[in-house]
């Protein structure tokens, strides 16, 4: 995968890259993120938590390309008057990333000043689940004929899931100082700032039958459950072999999201 990524970036940089000596940097570190979403001058979301960071740079001389991906693990998120927190949800993750150009200016033999600038990608995702029963059995009785038609199934211990995703895109700049211990190992201190202006929010509510019971049978085979789900629910609701989607929503909007993420990383140069 690393070789494929390097090849794609090299091709995109054009023939000029191959005329110079290239270096590849991979960094692993920690970050502490502060993310705020504004609406009409009012803060409607506030996130402030530590996390992990991975960076990649391909740097021919003083100008190159960078990519970064980070994870924050907020224990709670304030969304207006609502607090999204454990244990109400199974997971809460804030993913922050960037892709663009990197500029390296040596200050001394051991110290470099670096600026990354490009596209910012931030994504807040969270979801929860609970167990419930779904009675989808039915019967039709024609009294004058004395005939009854029936079908469907009763499902027990069904995992009901809801997931939320808030994706935003904008611009990012990351000024950083790098202290070189050796030719191949460095320590880097950065302070990334991003401004996101375009958002896509989505929601999904669905039922997972993989560990459910069927008509009193607590452990049906996967094939039996797949057949029962397909026969019971409308085809447009069946989104997996043993899954149905009950509700979805998604829309684009304009957003004002500011993210400030100081970080410290160990950089390995190749």
Protein backbone atom coordinates (compact mmCIF):
# COMPACT_ATOMS: atom_id res chain seq x y z
CA UNK A 1 0.00 0.00 0.00
CA UNK A 2 2.84 2.41 0.85
CA UNK A 3 4.53 1.78 -2.50
CA UNK A 4 1.26 2.42 -4.36
CA UNK A 5 0.72 5.70 -2.50
CA UNK A 6 4.26 6.86 -3.22
CA UNK A 7 3.87 6.03 -6.92
CA UNK A 8 0.61 7.97 -7.22
CA UNK A 9 2.14 11.05 -5.60
CA UNK A 10 5.27 10.83 -7.76
CA UNK A 11 3.22 10.71 -10.94
CA UNK A 12 1.11 13.68 -9.85
CA UNK A 13 4.22 15.75 -9.21
CA UNK A 14 5.41 15.27 -12.79
CA UNK A 15 8.82 14.74 -14.31
CA UNK A 16 10.45 17.54 -12.31
CA UNK A 17 10.35 15.39 -9.18
CA UNK A 18 12.51 12.72 -10.72
CA UNK A 19 15.19 15.27 -11.58
CA UNK A 20 15.83 15.83 -7.85
CA UNK A 21 16.76 13.70 -4.88
CA UNK A 22 13.61 12.86 -2.96
CA UNK A 23 13.10 12.03 0.68
CA UNK A 24 10.15 10.39 2.31
CA UNK A 25 9.14 11.24 5.88
CA UNK A 26 6.77 9.24 8.05
CA UNK A 27 5.70 10.65 11.40
CA UNK A 28 3.86 9.18 14.37
CA UNK A 29 2.77 11.34 17.28
CA UNK A 30 0.21 12.82 19.64
CA UNK A 31 -2.11 15.77 19.17
CA UNK A 32 -4.56 17.80 21.20
CA UNK A 33 -7.46 19.14 19.18
CA UNK A 34 -9.85 22.02 19.68
CA UNK A 35 -12.71 22.12 17.18
CA UNK A 36 -15.54 24.65 17.14
CA UNK A 37 -18.49 25.02 14.79
CA UNK A 38 -20.06 28.47 14.50
CA UNK A 39 -23.46 29.57 13.28
CA UNK A 40 -24.39 33.26 13.17
CA UNK A 41 -21.48 34.00 15.50
CA UNK A 42 -22.62 31.45 18.09
CA UNK A 43 -20.70 28.28 18.97
CA UNK A 44 -22.96 25.31 18.24
CA UNK A 45 -20.34 22.57 18.74
CA UNK A 46 -17.29 22.29 20.95
CA UNK A 47 -14.72 19.46 20.92
CA UNK A 48 -11.49 19.44 22.92
CA UNK A 49 -9.64 16.16 23.39
CA UNK A 50 -6.29 14.39 22.84
CA UNK A 51 -5.60 11.93 20.07
CA UNK A 52 -3.10 10.31 17.70
CA UNK A 53 -1.52 11.64 14.50
CA UNK A 54 0.21 10.12 11.47
CA UNK A 55 1.95 12.25 8.82
CA UNK A 56 3.53 11.56 5.46
CA UNK A 57 5.70 13.85 3.35
CA UNK A 58 7.39 13.46 0.01
CA UNK A 59 9.85 16.33 -0.19
CA UNK A 60 12.08 16.96 -3.24
CA UNK A 61 14.37 19.65 -1.88
CA UNK A 62 12.42 22.53 -0.35
CA UNK A 63 8.95 21.93 -1.84
CA UNK A 64 6.96 18.70 -1.75
CA UNK A 65 3.69 17.04 -0.84
CA UNK A 66 2.20 16.10 2.50
CA UNK A 67 -0.63 14.02 3.89
CA UNK A 68 -1.82 13.71 7.47
CA UNK A 69 -4.51 11.80 9.32
CA UNK A 70 -5.39 12.17 12.98
CA UNK A 71 -7.86 10.72 15.43
CA UNK A 72 -9.39 12.43 18.46
CA UNK A 73 -11.30 10.41 21.03
CA UNK A 74 -13.74 12.83 22.67
CA UNK A 75 -15.56 11.50 25.73
CA UNK A 76 -18.28 14.05 25.07
CA UNK A 77 -19.24 16.62 22.46
CA UNK A 78 -21.41 19.66 23.11
CA UNK A 79 -23.85 20.13 20.23
CA UNK A 80 -25.86 23.22 21.13
CA UNK A 81 -27.96 22.30 24.17
CA UNK A 82 -27.29 18.57 23.62
CA UNK A 83 -24.29 16.68 25.00
CA UNK A 84 -23.14 13.63 23.04
CA UNK A 85 -21.34 11.43 25.53
CA UNK A 86 -20.56 7.94 26.73
CA UNK A 87 -22.30 5.69 27.62
CA UNK A 88 -25.17 6.98 25.48
CA UNK A 89 -23.22 6.06 22.34
CA UNK A 90 -20.95 3.12 21.52
CA UNK A 91 -18.29 5.31 19.90
CA UNK A 92 -17.44 8.96 19.30
CA UNK A 93 -14.56 9.75 16.93
CA UNK A 94 -13.29 12.94 15.36
CA UNK A 95 -11.07 12.34 12.32
CA UNK A 96 -8.95 15.21 11.02
CA UNK A 97 -6.83 15.08 7.91
CA UNK A 98 -5.07 17.16 5.30
CA UNK A 99 -3.46 16.89 1.88
CA UNK A 100 -1.42 19.42 -0.07
CA UNK A 101 1.99 21.07 -0.44
CA UNK A 102 4.80 21.24 2.12
CA UNK A 103 7.58 23.84 2.28
CA UNK A 104 10.84 23.25 4.15
CA UNK A 105 13.21 26.09 5.16
CA UNK A 106 16.42 25.07 7.00
CA UNK A 107 17.31 27.32 9.94
CA UNK A 108 20.45 25.44 10.98
CA UNK A 109 21.98 22.00 10.61
CA UNK A 110 19.61 20.62 13.25
CA UNK A 111 16.56 22.86 12.91
CA UNK A 112 14.04 23.24 10.06
CA UNK A 113 10.92 25.37 9.69
CA UNK A 114 8.13 23.56 7.82
CA UNK A 115 4.75 24.74 6.56
CA UNK A 116 2.09 22.35 5.26
CA UNK A 117 -0.80 23.94 3.37
CA UNK A 118 -3.70 22.40 1.48
CA UNK A 119 -7.12 20.81 1.77
CA UNK A 120 -8.60 20.10 5.20
CA UNK A 121 -10.91 17.17 5.92
CA UNK A 122 -12.63 16.79 9.29
CA UNK A 123 -15.20 14.18 10.20
CA UNK A 124 -17.19 13.67 13.41
CA UNK A 125 -18.79 10.23 13.58
CA UNK A 126 -20.71 8.62 16.42
CA UNK A 127 -23.28 5.89 16.89
CA UNK A 128 -25.17 3.78 19.37
CA UNK A 129 -27.08 0.50 19.56
CA UNK A 130 -29.66 -1.32 21.63
CA UNK A 131 -31.48 -4.66 21.60
CA UNK A 132 -35.15 -4.99 20.68
CA UNK A 133 -37.74 -7.35 19.20
CA UNK A 134 -39.35 -6.97 15.78
CA UNK A 135 -42.68 -8.68 15.17
CA UNK A 136 -43.13 -8.66 11.39
CA UNK A 137 -45.55 -11.59 11.28
CA UNK A 138 -48.98 -11.04 9.73
CA UNK A 139 -52.26 -12.83 9.13
CA UNK A 140 -55.36 -12.18 7.01
CA UNK A 141 -58.58 -13.92 7.96
CA UNK A 142 -61.51 -14.13 5.50
CA UNK A 143 -64.40 -14.86 7.82
CA UNK A 144 -67.05 -16.00 5.28
CA UNK A 145 -64.64 -18.46 3.71
CA UNK A 146 -63.09 -19.47 6.99
CA UNK A 147 -59.64 -19.04 5.45
CA UNK A 148 -56.56 -17.47 7.05
CA UNK A 149 -53.41 -16.43 5.26
CA UNK A 150 -50.26 -15.73 7.26
CA UNK A 151 -46.61 -14.92 6.73
CA UNK A 152 -43.67 -12.95 7.98
CA UNK A 153 -41.53 -13.73 11.00
CA UNK A 154 -40.93 -12.75 14.60
CA UNK A 155 -37.38 -11.63 15.35
CA UNK A 156 -35.98 -11.37 18.88
CA UNK A 157 -32.81 -9.80 20.28
CA UNK A 158 -32.33 -7.68 17.16
CA UNK A 159 -29.49 -5.14 17.32
CA UNK A 160 -30.90 -1.72 16.47
CA UNK A 161 -28.20 0.73 15.40
CA UNK A 162 -28.03 4.44 14.68
CA UNK A 163 -25.04 6.21 13.18
CA UNK A 164 -24.31 9.89 12.61
CA UNK A 165 -21.65 11.36 10.34
CA UNK A 166 -20.68 15.01 10.00
CA UNK A 167 -18.13 15.51 7.21
CA UNK A 168 -16.53 18.91 6.56
CA UNK A 169 -13.98 20.13 4.03
CA UNK A 170 -11.93 23.33 3.88
CA UNK A 171 -8.33 24.54 4.06
CA UNK A 172 -5.48 23.77 6.47
CA UNK A 173 -2.10 25.25 7.37
CA UNK A 174 0.40 23.58 9.68
CA UNK A 175 3.55 25.50 10.70
CA UNK A 176 6.06 23.25 12.43
CA UNK A 177 9.60 23.19 13.84
CA UNK A 178 11.70 20.09 13.34
CA UNK A 179 14.73 19.19 15.47
CA UNK A 180 16.98 16.55 13.87
CA UNK A 181 18.68 14.09 16.19
CA UNK A 182 20.21 12.11 13.35
CA UNK A 183 19.86 12.11 9.59
CA UNK A 184 16.91 9.75 9.84
CA UNK A 185 15.21 10.61 13.15
CA UNK A 186 13.69 13.96 14.13
CA UNK A 187 11.27 15.51 16.60
CA UNK A 188 8.59 17.83 15.23
CA UNK A 189 6.34 20.36 16.98
CA UNK A 190 3.37 21.54 14.92
CA UNK A 191 0.26 23.66 15.32
CA UNK A 192 -2.25 22.87 12.56
CA UNK A 193 -5.14 25.27 11.98
CA UNK A 194 -8.01 24.48 9.61
CA UNK A 195 -11.08 26.34 8.46
CA UNK A 196 -13.89 24.23 7.03
CA UNK A 197 -16.73 25.78 5.04
CA UNK A 198 -18.62 22.89 3.41
CA UNK A 199 -20.42 20.18 5.39
CA UNK A 200 -22.31 16.96 4.67
CA UNK A 201 -24.37 15.56 7.54
CA UNK A 202 -25.87 12.08 7.35
CA UNK A 203 -27.90 9.78 9.59
CA UNK A 204 -28.77 6.10 9.39
CA UNK A 205 -31.07 3.95 11.55
CA UNK A 206 -30.97 0.24 10.82
CA UNK A 207 -31.50 -3.25 12.22
CA UNK A 208 -28.82 -5.95 12.34
CA UNK A 209 -30.13 -9.54 12.51
CA UNK A 210 -26.81 -11.39 12.65
CA UNK A 211 -27.23 -12.34 16.31
CA UNK A 212 -31.02 -12.29 16.46
CA UNK A 213 -33.50 -15.06 17.18
CA UNK A 214 -36.07 -16.24 14.64
CA UNK A 215 -39.58 -17.48 15.48
CA UNK A 216 -38.51 -18.77 18.89
CA UNK A 217 -35.21 -20.18 17.65
CA UNK A 218 -32.38 -18.39 19.45
CA UNK A 219 -29.65 -19.51 17.08
CA UNK A 220 -30.78 -19.81 13.45
CA UNK A 221 -28.23 -20.33 10.69
CA UNK A 222 -27.03 -17.36 8.68
CA UNK A 223 -28.74 -18.80 5.59
CA UNK A 224 -32.06 -19.14 7.43
CA UNK A 225 -31.86 -15.58 8.76
CA UNK A 226 -30.91 -14.19 5.34
CA UNK A 227 -33.90 -15.94 3.78
CA UNK A 228 -36.27 -14.78 6.54
CA UNK A 229 -35.13 -11.15 6.27
CA UNK A 230 -35.46 -11.15 2.47
CA UNK A 231 -38.93 -12.73 2.63
CA UNK A 232 -40.26 -10.48 5.39
CA UNK A 233 -39.20 -6.93 4.52
CA UNK A 234 -39.56 -4.83 1.34
CA UNK A 235 -36.62 -5.19 -1.02
CA UNK A 236 -35.75 -1.48 -0.80
CA UNK A 237 -35.27 -1.82 2.97
CA UNK A 238 -32.92 -4.83 2.80
CA UNK A 239 -29.43 -3.33 2.55
CA UNK A 240 -27.42 -6.40 3.56
CA UNK A 241 -27.76 -10.16 3.89
CA UNK A 242 -28.98 -9.76 7.46
CA UNK A 243 -29.64 -6.04 7.71
CA UNK A 244 -32.47 -3.64 6.96
CA UNK A 245 -32.32 0.15 6.83
CA UNK A 246 -35.31 1.89 8.38
CA UNK A 247 -34.35 5.54 8.01
CA UNK A 248 -31.64 7.56 6.29
CA UNK A 249 -30.98 11.25 5.80
CA UNK A 250 -28.20 13.40 4.37
CA UNK A 251 -27.69 16.95 3.17
CA UNK A 252 -25.00 19.47 2.22
CA UNK A 253 -24.72 22.87 3.90
CA UNK A 254 -22.35 25.76 4.52
CA UNK A 255 -20.48 25.62 7.83
CA UNK A 256 -17.92 27.62 9.78
CA UNK A 257 -15.67 25.15 11.58
CA UNK A 258 -12.34 26.16 13.09
CA UNK A 259 -9.92 23.47 14.27
CA UNK A 260 -6.66 24.09 16.16
CA UNK A 261 -4.48 21.03 16.72
CA UNK A 262 -1.03 21.31 18.36
CA UNK A 263 1.03 18.14 17.94
CA UNK A 264 4.34 16.48 18.71
CA UNK A 265 5.68 13.72 16.46
CA UNK A 266 8.68 11.52 15.90
CA UNK A 267 9.71 11.70 12.22
CA UNK A 268 11.53 8.94 10.38
CA UNK A 269 13.21 9.95 7.10
CA UNK A 270 14.05 7.57 4.28
